[in-house]
Amino acid sequence: MELELGGSALAVPQVTSTPAKAGAQLERSQ
């Protein structure tokens, strides 16, 4: 889970202005 959290944290700033993309990335991670 720590690895997933790290990846998400890194991807968050890149898609900070696009919550939709953030949600899609979270779904892909899980």
N, C-alpha and C. Protein backbone atom coordinates (compact mmCIF):
# COMPACT_ATOMS: atom_id res chain seq x y z
N MET A 1 0.84 -1.20 0.00
CA MET A 1 0.00 0.00 0.00
C MET A 1 0.88 1.25 0.00
N GLU A 2 2.01 1.18 0.68
CA GLU A 2 2.89 2.35 0.71
C GLU A 2 3.34 2.72 -0.69
N LEU A 3 3.63 1.71 -1.51
CA LEU A 3 4.08 1.98 -2.88
C LEU A 3 2.96 2.68 -3.66
N GLU A 4 1.73 2.18 -3.50
CA GLU A 4 0.60 2.79 -4.22
C GLU A 4 0.42 4.24 -3.77
N LEU A 5 0.52 4.46 -2.46
CA LEU A 5 0.35 5.82 -1.94
C LEU A 5 1.43 6.72 -2.53
N GLY A 6 2.66 6.23 -2.60
CA GLY A 6 3.75 7.03 -3.15
C GLY A 6 3.47 7.37 -4.61
N GLY A 7 3.06 6.38 -5.38
CA GLY A 7 2.76 6.63 -6.79
C GLY A 7 1.64 7.64 -6.94
N SER A 8 0.60 7.49 -6.13
CA SER A 8 -0.53 8.42 -6.21
C SER A 8 -0.06 9.83 -5.85
N ALA A 9 0.71 9.93 -4.80
CA ALA A 9 1.20 11.24 -4.35
C ALA A 9 2.00 11.91 -5.47
N LEU A 10 2.77 11.11 -6.21
CA LEU A 10 3.57 11.69 -7.30
C LEU A 10 2.67 12.10 -8.46
N ALA A 11 1.60 11.34 -8.68
CA ALA A 11 0.72 11.63 -9.81
C ALA A 11 -0.24 12.78 -9.48
N VAL A 12 -0.52 12.98 -8.21
CA VAL A 12 -1.48 14.02 -7.81
C VAL A 12 -1.09 15.40 -8.33
N PRO A 13 0.14 15.87 -8.07
CA PRO A 13 0.53 17.21 -8.52
C PRO A 13 0.43 17.38 -10.05
N GLN A 14 0.65 16.30 -10.77
CA GLN A 14 0.60 16.40 -12.24
C GLN A 14 -0.84 16.59 -12.71
N VAL A 15 -1.79 15.97 -12.00
CA VAL A 15 -3.19 16.09 -12.42
C VAL A 15 -3.98 16.87 -11.38
N THR A 16 -3.32 17.86 -10.81
CA THR A 16 -3.95 18.66 -9.74
C THR A 16 -5.16 19.41 -10.28
N SER A 17 -5.08 19.85 -11.54
CA SER A 17 -6.17 20.64 -12.11
C SER A 17 -7.19 19.74 -12.81
N THR A 18 -6.96 18.42 -12.78
CA THR A 18 -7.91 17.53 -13.44
C THR A 18 -8.29 16.38 -12.50
N PRO A 19 -9.26 16.62 -11.62
CA PRO A 19 -9.69 15.59 -10.67
C PRO A 19 -10.16 14.32 -11.38
N ALA A 20 -10.74 14.47 -12.54
CA ALA A 20 -11.22 13.29 -13.29
C ALA A 20 -10.05 12.36 -13.59
N LYS A 21 -8.94 12.92 -14.05
CA LYS A 21 -7.77 12.09 -14.37
C LYS A 21 -7.22 11.46 -13.09
N ALA A 22 -7.22 12.21 -12.00
CA ALA A 22 -6.72 11.67 -10.73
C ALA A 22 -7.55 10.45 -10.34
N GLY A 23 -8.86 10.54 -10.48
CA GLY A 23 -9.74 9.42 -10.15
C GLY A 23 -9.43 8.22 -11.03
N ALA A 24 -9.22 8.46 -12.31
CA ALA A 24 -8.92 7.36 -13.24
C ALA A 24 -7.60 6.70 -12.84
N GLN A 25 -6.60 7.48 -12.47
CA GLN A 25 -5.30 6.91 -12.08
C GLN A 25 -5.46 6.09 -10.81
N LEU A 26 -6.26 6.59 -9.86
CA LEU A 26 -6.47 5.85 -8.60
C LEU A 26 -7.12 4.51 -8.91
N GLU A 27 -8.11 4.52 -9.79
CA GLU A 27 -8.79 3.28 -10.15
C GLU A 27 -7.81 2.31 -10.81
N ARG A 28 -6.96 2.81 -11.67
CA ARG A 28 -5.98 1.95 -12.35
C ARG A 28 -5.01 1.36 -11.33
N SER A 29 -4.59 2.17 -10.35
CA SER A 29 -3.66 1.68 -9.33
C SER A 29 -4.28 0.53 -8.56
N GLN A 30 -5.54 0.66 -8.19
CA GLN A 30 -6.21 -0.40 -7.44
C GLN A 30 -6.52 -1.55 -8.36
